[in-house]
C-alpha atoms as a PDB file:
ATOM      1  CA  MET A   1     -18.665  42.173  10.988  1.00  0.00           C
ATOM      2  CA  LEU A   2     -18.193  39.835   8.049  1.00  0.00           C
ATOM      3  CA  LYS A   3     -18.230  36.052   8.953  1.00  0.00           C
ATOM      4  CA  PRO A   4     -16.227  33.388   7.366  1.00  0.00           C
ATOM      5  CA  ILE A   5     -17.900  31.970   4.181  1.00  0.00           C
ATOM      6  CA  LEU A   6     -18.244  27.847   5.114  1.00  0.00           C
ATOM      7  CA  GLN A   7     -18.545  25.477   2.013  1.00  0.00           C
ATOM      8  CA  THR A   8     -20.552  23.031   3.143  1.00  0.00           C
ATOM      9  CA  PRO A   9     -20.778  19.503   1.777  1.00  0.00           C
ATOM     10  CA  ARG A  10     -23.369  18.513  -0.741  1.00  0.00           C
ATOM     11  CA  TYR A  11     -24.340  15.469   1.399  1.00  0.00           C
ATOM     12  CA  ARG A  12     -25.000  17.443   4.658  1.00  0.00           C
ATOM     13  CA  LEU A  13     -27.176  19.810   2.700  1.00  0.00           C
ATOM     14  CA  VAL A  14     -28.953  17.033   1.033  1.00  0.00           C
ATOM     15  CA  ALA A  15     -29.489  15.253   4.850  1.00  0.00           C
ATOM     16  CA  ASP A  16     -30.892  18.831   6.517  1.00  0.00           C
ATOM     17  CA  GLN A  17     -33.592  18.970   3.600  1.00  0.00           C
ATOM     18  CA  ILE A  18     -34.574  15.140   3.938  1.00  0.00           C
ATOM     19  CA  ALA A  19     -34.449  15.848   7.782  1.00  0.00           C
ATOM     20  CA  GLN A  20     -36.620  18.767   7.441  1.00  0.00           C
ATOM     21  CA  LEU A  21     -39.372  17.027   4.876  1.00  0.00           C
ATOM     22  CA  ILE A  22     -39.037  14.197   7.855  1.00  0.00           C
ATOM     23  CA  ARG A  23     -39.965  16.760  10.470  1.00  0.00           C
ATOM     24  CA  ASP A  24     -42.882  18.393   8.413  1.00  0.00           C
ATOM     25  CA  GLY A  25     -44.273  15.226   7.834  1.00  0.00           C
ATOM     26  CA  GLU A  26     -43.799  15.230   4.193  1.00  0.00           C
ATOM     27  CA  ILE A  27     -41.990  11.864   4.352  1.00  0.00           C
ATOM     28  CA  PRO A  28     -43.925  10.268   7.371  1.00  0.00           C
ATOM     29  CA  LEU A  29     -42.426   8.343  10.308  1.00  0.00           C
ATOM     30  CA  GLY A  30     -41.839   5.161  10.268  1.00  0.00           C
ATOM     31  CA  SER A  31     -42.288   4.872   6.048  1.00  0.00           C
ATOM     32  CA  LYS A  32     -39.847   3.487   3.680  1.00  0.00           C
ATOM     33  CA  MET A  33     -37.610   5.768   2.570  1.00  0.00           C
ATOM     34  CA  PRO A  34     -37.855   6.931  -1.533  1.00  0.00           C
ATOM     35  CA  ALA A  35     -35.091   4.750  -3.511  1.00  0.00           C
ATOM     36  CA  ASP A  36     -31.657   6.106  -3.868  1.00  0.00           C
ATOM     37  CA  LYS A  37     -32.639   6.441  -7.724  1.00  0.00           C
ATOM     38  CA  GLU A  38     -35.868   8.945  -6.706  1.00  0.00           C
ATOM     39  CA  LEU A  39     -33.888  10.911  -4.540  1.00  0.00           C
ATOM     40  CA  VAL A  40     -31.035  11.397  -7.114  1.00  0.00           C
ATOM     41  CA  GLN A  41     -33.640  12.427  -9.759  1.00  0.00           C
ATOM     42  CA  GLN A  42     -35.132  14.500  -7.444  1.00  0.00           C
ATOM     43  CA  LEU A  43     -31.917  16.406  -5.522  1.00  0.00           C
ATOM     44  CA  GLY A  44     -30.170  16.501  -8.749  1.00  0.00           C
ATOM     45  CA  VAL A  45     -27.328  15.256  -7.190  1.00  0.00           C
ATOM     46  CA  SER A  46     -25.030  12.078  -6.971  1.00  0.00           C
ATOM     47  CA  ARG A  47     -25.774   8.565  -5.675  1.00  0.00           C
ATOM     48  CA  THR A  48     -22.750   8.955  -3.680  1.00  0.00           C
ATOM     49  CA  THR A  49     -23.941  12.166  -2.214  1.00  0.00           C
ATOM     50  CA  VAL A  50     -27.492  10.459  -1.504  1.00  0.00           C
ATOM     51  CA  ARG A  51     -25.748   7.396   0.347  1.00  0.00           C
ATOM     52  CA  GLU A  52     -23.702   9.721   2.290  1.00  0.00           C
ATOM     53  CA  ALA A  53     -26.535  11.538   3.309  1.00  0.00           C
ATOM     54  CA  MET A  54     -28.197   8.811   4.500  1.00  0.00           C
ATOM     55  CA  ILE A  55     -25.563   7.717   6.468  1.00  0.00           C
ATOM     56  CA  ALA A  56     -25.830  11.404   8.437  1.00  0.00           C
ATOM     57  CA  LEU A  57     -29.533  10.936   8.840  1.00  0.00           C
ATOM     58  CA  GLU A  58     -28.990   7.646  10.226  1.00  0.00           C
ATOM     59  CA  LEU A  59     -26.351   9.018  12.587  1.00  0.00           C
ATOM     60  CA  MET A  60     -28.932  11.980  13.574  1.00  0.00           C
ATOM     61  CA  GLY A  61     -31.695   9.686  14.250  1.00  0.00           C
ATOM     62  CA  TYR A  62     -34.382  10.124  11.660  1.00  0.00           C
ATOM     63  CA  VAL A  63     -33.725   7.217   9.459  1.00  0.00           C
ATOM     64  CA  VAL A  64     -32.715   3.246  10.272  1.00  0.00           C
ATOM     65  CA  THR A  65     -31.871   0.511   8.187  1.00  0.00           C
ATOM     66  CA  ARG A  66     -33.670  -3.142   8.558  1.00  0.00           C
ATOM     67  CA  PHE A  67     -31.414  -5.715   7.027  1.00  0.00           C
ATOM     68  CA  GLY A  68     -33.166  -7.016   3.919  1.00  0.00           C
ATOM     69  CA  ALA A  69     -35.616  -4.479   3.900  1.00  0.00           C
ATOM     70  CA  GLY A  70     -33.919  -1.295   3.089  1.00  0.00           C
ATOM     71  CA  ALA A  71     -34.097   2.305   5.162  1.00  0.00           C
ATOM     72  CA  PHE A  72     -37.080   3.595   6.878  1.00  0.00           C
ATOM     73  CA  THR A  73     -37.700   6.679   8.959  1.00  0.00           C
ATOM     74  CA  SER A  74     -37.785   6.637  12.354  1.00  0.00           C
ATOM     75  CA  GLU A  75     -40.632   5.577  14.344  1.00  0.00           C
ATOM     76  CA  THR A  76     -40.023   8.958  16.294  1.00  0.00           C
ATOM     77  CA  LEU A  77     -38.042  12.299  15.928  1.00  0.00           C
ATOM     78  CA  PRO A  78     -34.923  13.075  17.526  1.00  0.00           C
ATOM     79  CA  ASP A  79     -35.568  14.969  20.749  1.00  0.00           C
ATOM     80  CA  ALA A  80     -33.625  17.983  19.104  1.00  0.00           C
ATOM     81  CA  VAL A  81     -33.030  19.046  15.485  1.00  0.00           C
ATOM     82  CA  ALA A  82     -29.522  17.473  14.811  1.00  0.00           C
ATOM     83  CA  GLU A  83     -26.781  19.184  13.192  1.00  0.00           C
ATOM     84  CA  THR A  84     -24.865  17.726  10.329  1.00  0.00           C
ATOM     85  CA  ASN A  85     -21.957  20.077   9.857  1.00  0.00           C
ATOM     86  CA  GLY A  86     -19.984  18.281  12.861  1.00  0.00           C
ATOM     87  CA  LEU A  87     -20.068  14.872  11.179  1.00  0.00           C
ATOM     88  CA  PRO A  88     -17.190  13.731   9.188  1.00  0.00           C
ATOM     89  CA  GLY A  89     -17.976  12.077   6.003  1.00  0.00           C
ATOM     90  CA  PHE A  90     -17.172   8.454   5.267  1.00  0.00           C
ATOM     91  CA  PHE A  91     -14.639   9.327   2.648  1.00  0.00           C
ATOM     92  CA  GLU A  92     -13.375  12.343   4.930  1.00  0.00           C
ATOM     93  CA  LEU A  93     -12.686   9.427   7.446  1.00  0.00           C
ATOM     94  CA  VAL A  94     -10.940   7.061   5.094  1.00  0.00           C
ATOM     95  CA  GLU A  95      -8.735  10.026   3.839  1.00  0.00           C
ATOM     96  CA  ALA A  96      -8.038  10.981   7.439  1.00  0.00           C
ATOM     97  CA  ARG A  97      -6.974   7.495   8.431  1.00  0.00           C
ATOM     98  CA  TYR A  98      -5.012   7.289   4.765  1.00  0.00           C
ATOM     99  CA  SER A  99      -3.075  10.325   5.683  1.00  0.00           C
ATOM    100  CA  ILE A 100      -2.444  10.018   9.600  1.00  0.00           C
ATOM    101  CA  GLU A 101      -1.785   6.216  10.269  1.00  0.00           C
ATOM    102  CA  PRO A 102       1.118   5.521   8.074  1.00  0.00           C
ATOM    103  CA  GLU A 103       3.111   8.299   9.473  1.00  0.00           C
ATOM    104  CA  ILE A 104       2.326   7.168  13.040  1.00  0.00           C
ATOM    105  CA  ALA A 105       3.205   3.218  12.111  1.00  0.00           C
ATOM    106  CA  ALA A 106       6.582   4.749  10.314  1.00  0.00           C
ATOM    107  CA  ILE A 107       7.488   6.672  13.414  1.00  0.00           C
ATOM    108  CA  ALA A 108       6.451   3.626  15.377  1.00  0.00           C
ATOM    109  CA  ALA A 109       9.405   1.428  13.612  1.00  0.00           C
ATOM    110  CA  SER A 110      11.763   3.158  15.953  1.00  0.00           C
ATOM    111  CA  THR A 111      10.003   3.059  19.278  1.00  0.00           C
ATOM    112  CA  VAL A 112       8.065  -0.153  19.336  1.00  0.00           C
ATOM    113  CA  THR A 113       9.058  -2.633  21.561  1.00  0.00           C
ATOM    114  CA  GLU A 114       9.423  -6.588  22.031  1.00  0.00           C
ATOM    115  CA  ALA A 115       6.627  -6.432  24.147  1.00  0.00           C
ATOM    116  CA  ASP A 116       4.104  -4.239  21.989  1.00  0.00           C
ATOM    117  CA  ILE A 117       5.212  -6.444  18.768  1.00  0.00           C
ATOM    118  CA  THR A 118       4.133  -9.462  20.891  1.00  0.00           C
ATOM    119  CA  HIS A 119       0.655  -7.812  21.674  1.00  0.00           C
ATOM    120  CA  LEU A 120       0.323  -6.851  18.201  1.00  0.00           C
ATOM    121  CA  ARG A 121       0.701 -10.070  17.070  1.00  0.00           C
ATOM    122  CA  ALA A 122      -1.764 -11.536  19.655  1.00  0.00           C
ATOM    123  CA  CYS A 123      -4.244  -9.273  18.041  1.00  0.00           C
ATOM    124  CA  ILE A 124      -3.590 -10.624  14.880  1.00  0.00           C
ATOM    125  CA  GLU A 125      -4.540 -13.928  16.158  1.00  0.00           C
ATOM    126  CA  VAL A 126      -7.747 -12.802  17.138  1.00  0.00           C
ATOM    127  CA  LEU A 127      -8.903 -10.963  14.377  1.00  0.00           C
ATOM    128  CA  ALA A 128      -7.907 -14.004  12.022  1.00  0.00           C
ATOM    129  CA  ASP A 129     -10.460 -16.239  13.885  1.00  0.00           C
ATOM    130  CA  PRO A 130     -13.489 -16.375  11.156  1.00  0.00           C
ATOM    131  CA  GLY A 131     -16.054 -17.280  13.927  1.00  0.00           C
ATOM    132  CA  LEU A 132     -15.070 -14.271  16.146  1.00  0.00           C
ATOM    133  CA  ALA A 133     -18.227 -12.079  17.385  1.00  0.00           C
ATOM    134  CA  LEU A 134     -18.352  -8.506  15.809  1.00  0.00           C
ATOM    135  CA  ASP A 135     -17.642  -6.563  18.924  1.00  0.00           C
ATOM    136  CA  ASP A 136     -14.825  -8.862  19.963  1.00  0.00           C
ATOM    137  CA  PHE A 137     -13.150  -8.139  16.584  1.00  0.00           C
ATOM    138  CA  GLU A 138     -13.881  -4.173  16.760  1.00  0.00           C
ATOM    139  CA  HIS A 139     -11.895  -4.673  20.379  1.00  0.00           C
ATOM    140  CA  ALA A 140      -8.851  -6.145  18.705  1.00  0.00           C
ATOM    141  CA  ASP A 141      -9.224  -4.100  15.969  1.00  0.00           C
ATOM    142  CA  ARG A 142      -9.157  -0.713  17.964  1.00  0.00           C
ATOM    143  CA  ASP A 143      -6.101  -2.430  20.376  1.00  0.00           C
ATOM    144  CA  PHE A 144      -4.071  -3.351  17.118  1.00  0.00           C
ATOM    145  CA  HIS A 145      -4.170   0.317  16.153  1.00  0.00           C
ATOM    146  CA  ILE A 146      -4.177   2.004  19.644  1.00  0.00           C
ATOM    147  CA  THR A 147      -1.155   0.079  20.417  1.00  0.00           C
ATOM    148  CA  ILE A 148       1.010   1.318  17.496  1.00  0.00           C
ATOM    149  CA  ALA A 149      -0.042   4.920  17.993  1.00  0.00           C
ATOM    150  CA  ARG A 150       1.016   4.056  22.182  1.00  0.00           C
ATOM    151  CA  SER A 151       4.142   2.845  21.355  1.00  0.00           C
ATOM    152  CA  THR A 152       5.304   6.162  19.954  1.00  0.00           C
ATOM    153  CA  GLY A 153       4.982   7.666  23.271  1.00  0.00           C
ATOM    154  CA  ASN A 154       3.105  10.348  21.877  1.00  0.00           C
ATOM    155  CA  SER A 155      -0.275  10.937  23.528  1.00  0.00           C
ATOM    156  CA  VAL A 156      -1.857  13.197  20.673  1.00  0.00           C
ATOM    157  CA  PHE A 157      -1.288  10.156  18.206  1.00  0.00           C
ATOM    158  CA  VAL A 158      -3.120   7.998  20.907  1.00  0.00           C
ATOM    159  CA  SER A 159      -5.536  10.365  21.115  1.00  0.00           C
ATOM    160  CA  ILE A 160      -6.351  10.672  17.168  1.00  0.00           C
ATOM    161  CA  VAL A 161      -6.678   7.010  16.656  1.00  0.00           C
ATOM    162  CA  GLU A 162      -8.729   6.999  19.457  1.00  0.00           C
ATOM    163  CA  GLU A 163     -11.052   9.338  17.640  1.00  0.00           C
ATOM    164  CA  PHE A 164     -10.784   7.557  14.250  1.00  0.00           C
ATOM    165  CA  TRP A 165     -12.285   4.480  16.161  1.00  0.00           C
ATOM    166  CA  ARG A 166     -15.047   6.782  17.564  1.00  0.00           C
ATOM    167  CA  VAL A 167     -15.901   8.391  14.079  1.00  0.00           C
ATOM    168  CA  ARG A 168     -15.821   4.967  12.579  1.00  0.00           C
ATOM    169  CA  GLN A 169     -18.366   3.719  14.837  1.00  0.00           C
ATOM    170  CA  ARG A 170     -20.697   6.239  13.662  1.00  0.00           C
ATOM    171  CA  PHE A 171     -20.789   4.982  10.130  1.00  0.00           C
ATOM    172  CA  PRO A 172     -23.140   1.618  10.165  1.00  0.00           C
ATOM    173  CA  GLU A 173     -22.204   0.982   6.416  1.00  0.00           C
ATOM    174  CA  TRP A 174     -18.720   0.496   7.553  1.00  0.00           C
ATOM    175  CA  THR A 175     -18.905  -2.163   9.729  1.00  0.00           C
ATOM    176  CA  ARG A 176     -21.179  -4.393   7.730  1.00  0.00           C
ATOM    177  CA  THR A 177     -19.326  -3.860   4.907  1.00  0.00           C
ATOM    178  CA  THR A 178     -16.066  -4.606   6.707  1.00  0.00           C
ATOM    179  CA  ASN A 179     -17.277  -7.539   8.299  1.00  0.00           C
ATOM    180  CA  ARG A 180     -16.176 -10.254   6.058  1.00  0.00           C
ATOM    181  CA  GLN A 181     -17.206 -13.560   6.116  1.00  0.00           C
ATOM    182  CA  ASN A 182     -15.202 -15.240   3.428  1.00  0.00           C
ATOM    183  CA  PRO A 183     -12.226 -17.125   4.677  1.00  0.00           C
ATOM    184  CA  ALA A 184     -10.325 -15.768   1.971  1.00  0.00           C
ATOM    185  CA  ASP A 185     -10.616 -12.294   2.843  1.00  0.00           C
ATOM    186  CA  ILE A 186     -10.295 -12.928   6.394  1.00  0.00           C
ATOM    187  CA  ALA A 187      -7.064 -14.145   5.772  1.00  0.00           C
ATOM    188  CA  ARG A 188      -5.885 -11.910   3.345  1.00  0.00           C
ATOM    189  CA  PHE A 189      -7.085  -8.821   5.332  1.00  0.00           C
ATOM    190  CA  PHE A 190      -7.266  -9.313   8.683  1.00  0.00           C
ATOM    191  CA  ARG A 191      -4.078 -11.891   9.038  1.00  0.00           C
ATOM    192  CA  ASP A 192      -1.625 -10.483   5.545  1.00  0.00           C
ATOM    193  CA  GLU A 193      -2.269  -6.842   5.917  1.00  0.00           C
ATOM    194  CA  HIS A 194      -1.605  -6.741   9.531  1.00  0.00           C
ATOM    195  CA  THR A 195       1.143  -9.066   9.651  1.00  0.00           C
ATOM    196  CA  ASP A 196       2.891  -6.973   7.112  1.00  0.00           C
ATOM    197  CA  ILE A 197       2.382  -3.920   9.331  1.00  0.00           C
ATOM    198  CA  VAL A 198       4.064  -5.993  12.445  1.00  0.00           C
ATOM    199  CA  ASP A 199       6.647  -7.508  10.382  1.00  0.00           C
ATOM    200  CA  ALA A 200       7.745  -3.779   9.267  1.00  0.00           C
ATOM    201  CA  LEU A 201       7.612  -2.526  12.588  1.00  0.00           C
ATOM    202  CA  ALA A 202       9.608  -5.417  13.821  1.00  0.00           C
ATOM    203  CA  ASN A 203      12.236  -5.056  11.775  1.00  0.00           C
ATOM    204  CA  ALA A 204      12.597  -1.165  12.446  1.00  0.00           C
ATOM    205  CA  ASP A 205      11.787  -0.402   8.958  1.00  0.00           C
ATOM    206  CA  ALA A 206       9.978   2.965   8.763  1.00  0.00           C
ATOM    207  CA  ALA A 207       9.235   3.071   4.664  1.00  0.00           C
ATOM    208  CA  ALA A 208       7.784  -0.374   5.057  1.00  0.00           C
ATOM    209  CA  ALA A 209       5.392   0.483   7.999  1.00  0.00           C
ATOM    210  CA  ARG A 210       4.273   3.660   6.298  1.00  0.00           C
ATOM    211  CA  THR A 211       3.367   1.481   3.214  1.00  0.00           C
ATOM    212  CA  ALA A 212       1.882  -1.416   4.794  1.00  0.00           C
ATOM    213  CA  MET A 213      -0.155   1.045   6.799  1.00  0.00           C
ATOM    214  CA  ARG A 214      -1.132   3.014   3.674  1.00  0.00           C
ATOM    215  CA  ILE A 215      -2.286  -0.097   1.882  1.00  0.00           C
ATOM    216  CA  HIS A 216      -4.149  -1.453   5.008  1.00  0.00           C
ATOM    217  CA  CYS A 217      -6.184   2.100   5.763  1.00  0.00           C
ATOM    218  CA  ARG A 218      -7.162   2.198   2.054  1.00  0.00           C
ATOM    219  CA  ASN A 219      -8.511  -1.157   2.139  1.00  0.00           C
ATOM    220  CA  SER A 220     -10.410  -0.781   5.263  1.00  0.00           C
ATOM    221  CA  GLY A 221     -12.989   1.540   3.487  1.00  0.00           C
ATOM    222  CA  GLN A 222     -12.605  -0.198  -0.086  1.00  0.00           C
ATOM    223  CA  PRO A 223     -15.267  -2.168  -0.181  1.00  0.00           C
ATOM    224  CA  LEU A 224     -17.673   0.449   0.244  1.00  0.00           C
ATOM    225  CA  LEU A 225     -16.094   2.979  -1.605  1.00  0.00           C
ATOM    226  CA  GLU A 226     -15.995   0.210  -4.704  1.00  0.00           C
ATOM    227  CA  ARG A 227     -19.443  -0.529  -4.338  1.00  0.00           C
ATOM    228  CA  TRP A 228     -20.817   2.874  -4.475  1.00  0.00           C
ATOM    229  CA  ARG A 229     -17.837   3.937  -7.325  1.00  0.00           C
ATOM    230  CA  GLN A 230     -19.636   1.323  -9.538  1.00  0.00           C
ATOM    231  CA  VAL A 231     -22.835   3.106  -9.600  1.00  0.00           C
ATOM    232  CA  GLU A 232     -21.620   6.295  -9.851  1.00  0.00           C
ATOM    233  CA  GLU A 233     -19.840   6.885 -13.241  1.00  0.00           C
ATOM    234  CA  GLY A 234     -20.539  10.593 -13.760  1.00  0.00           C
ATOM    235  CA  ALA A 235     -20.229  11.827 -10.233  1.00  0.00           C
ATOM    236  CA  LEU A 236     -16.731  11.118  -9.188  1.00  0.00           C
ATOM    237  CA  PRO A 237     -14.993  13.846 -10.483  1.00  0.00           C
ATOM    238  CA  GLY A 238     -17.081  16.334  -8.687  1.00  0.00           C
ATOM    239  CA  ASN A 239     -15.927  15.208  -5.395  1.00  0.00           C
ATOM    240  CA  THR A 240     -12.544  16.165  -4.378  1.00  0.00           C
ATOM    241  CA  VAL A 241     -12.320  13.758  -1.605  1.00  0.00           C
ATOM    242  CA  VAL A 242     -13.369  10.846  -3.332  1.00  0.00           C
ATOM    243  CA  LYS A 243     -11.461  12.281  -6.542  1.00  0.00           C
ATOM    244  CA  ARG A 244      -7.947  11.792  -4.249  1.00  0.00           C
ATOM    245  CA  ILE A 245      -9.228   8.368  -2.894  1.00  0.00           C
ATOM    246  CA  SER A 246      -9.404   7.063  -6.213  1.00  0.00           C
ATOM    247  CA  THR A 247      -5.767   7.520  -7.345  1.00  0.00           C
ATOM    248  CA  TRP A 248      -4.737   5.371  -4.063  1.00  0.00           C
ATOM    249  CA  GLN A 249      -5.404   1.776  -5.241  1.00  0.00           C
ATOM    250  CA  GLU A 250      -2.951   2.032  -7.811  1.00  0.00           C
ATOM    251  CA  GLU A 251      -0.318   3.650  -5.816  1.00  0.00           C
ATOM    252  CA  ASP A 252      -0.518   1.554  -3.290  1.00  0.00           C
ATOM    253  CA  LEU A 253      -0.600  -1.677  -4.977  1.00  0.00           C
ATOM    254  CA  SER A 254       2.761  -0.557  -6.912  1.00  0.00           C
ATOM    255  CA  SER A 255       4.215   0.210  -3.344  1.00  0.00           C
ATOM    256  CA  GLY A 256       3.027  -3.048  -1.897  1.00  0.00           C
ATOM    257  CA  ALA A 257       4.663  -5.106  -4.910  1.00  0.00           C
ATOM    258  CA  LYS A 258       7.930  -3.099  -4.214  1.00  0.00           C
ATOM    259  CA  ALA A 259       7.598  -3.748  -0.553  1.00  0.00           C
ATOM    260  CA  ARG A 260       7.269  -7.722  -1.216  1.00  0.00           C
ATOM    261  CA  GLY A 261       9.621  -7.955  -4.087  1.00  0.00           C
ATOM    262  CA  THR A 262       7.023  -8.777  -6.384  1.00  0.00           C
ATOM    263  CA  THR A 263       5.722  -7.707  -9.760  1.00  0.00           C
ATOM    264  CA  GLY A 264       2.378  -7.311 -11.351  1.00  0.00           C
END
């Protein structure tokens, strides 16, 4: 019987190949991983693909990242060969949130209660604290987005947003790059963007809620996307998800300016 032909993302193919090299001992346990540039040259893939593969390898238990030192292979092998096919890529997660959460926010604009709005504003005050511990921040951020989904009265929306957070926690790079320490970034990202969402919900403005959430979801992954894009000149057109993501910034900034009644 014929079976469907599945298209496997390149980063997953790269992750599987590197994992096998580690299991075979060709990359020794506890050793420093080859530099991205070296892997790009040897594998003939983009740096974005290599970095997504490294994230997958970290999730699979083959690689650990040491702050200030870089990536190393684990001291011991995972108990079993991990499959990467079930792991969404970083770009896939960013795109899924960008596509779905704005629509949930638009629906919530007609269902959110005053109690929900009060709770959401309380979450913002927690998120805007520059001294907040990372675990507390993650809890408050998740609470904010789950509250919006829950306010729709649709349990499927709640399950979807909860799954986004489960997936997000699998990406160490996400946490590192969104854990901003600059007070200006904290004010802009954690207070202003969340406040725009809540204000739109409080005004029962579905279009504004959709726009504000789109901008926020795009910005959630933007630091890492931009960092990769800066060193990824030739690879961007070959990745359809990244290519779609690359059009968001101009669209969202334009929409945000209109929503605020500003230009430029």
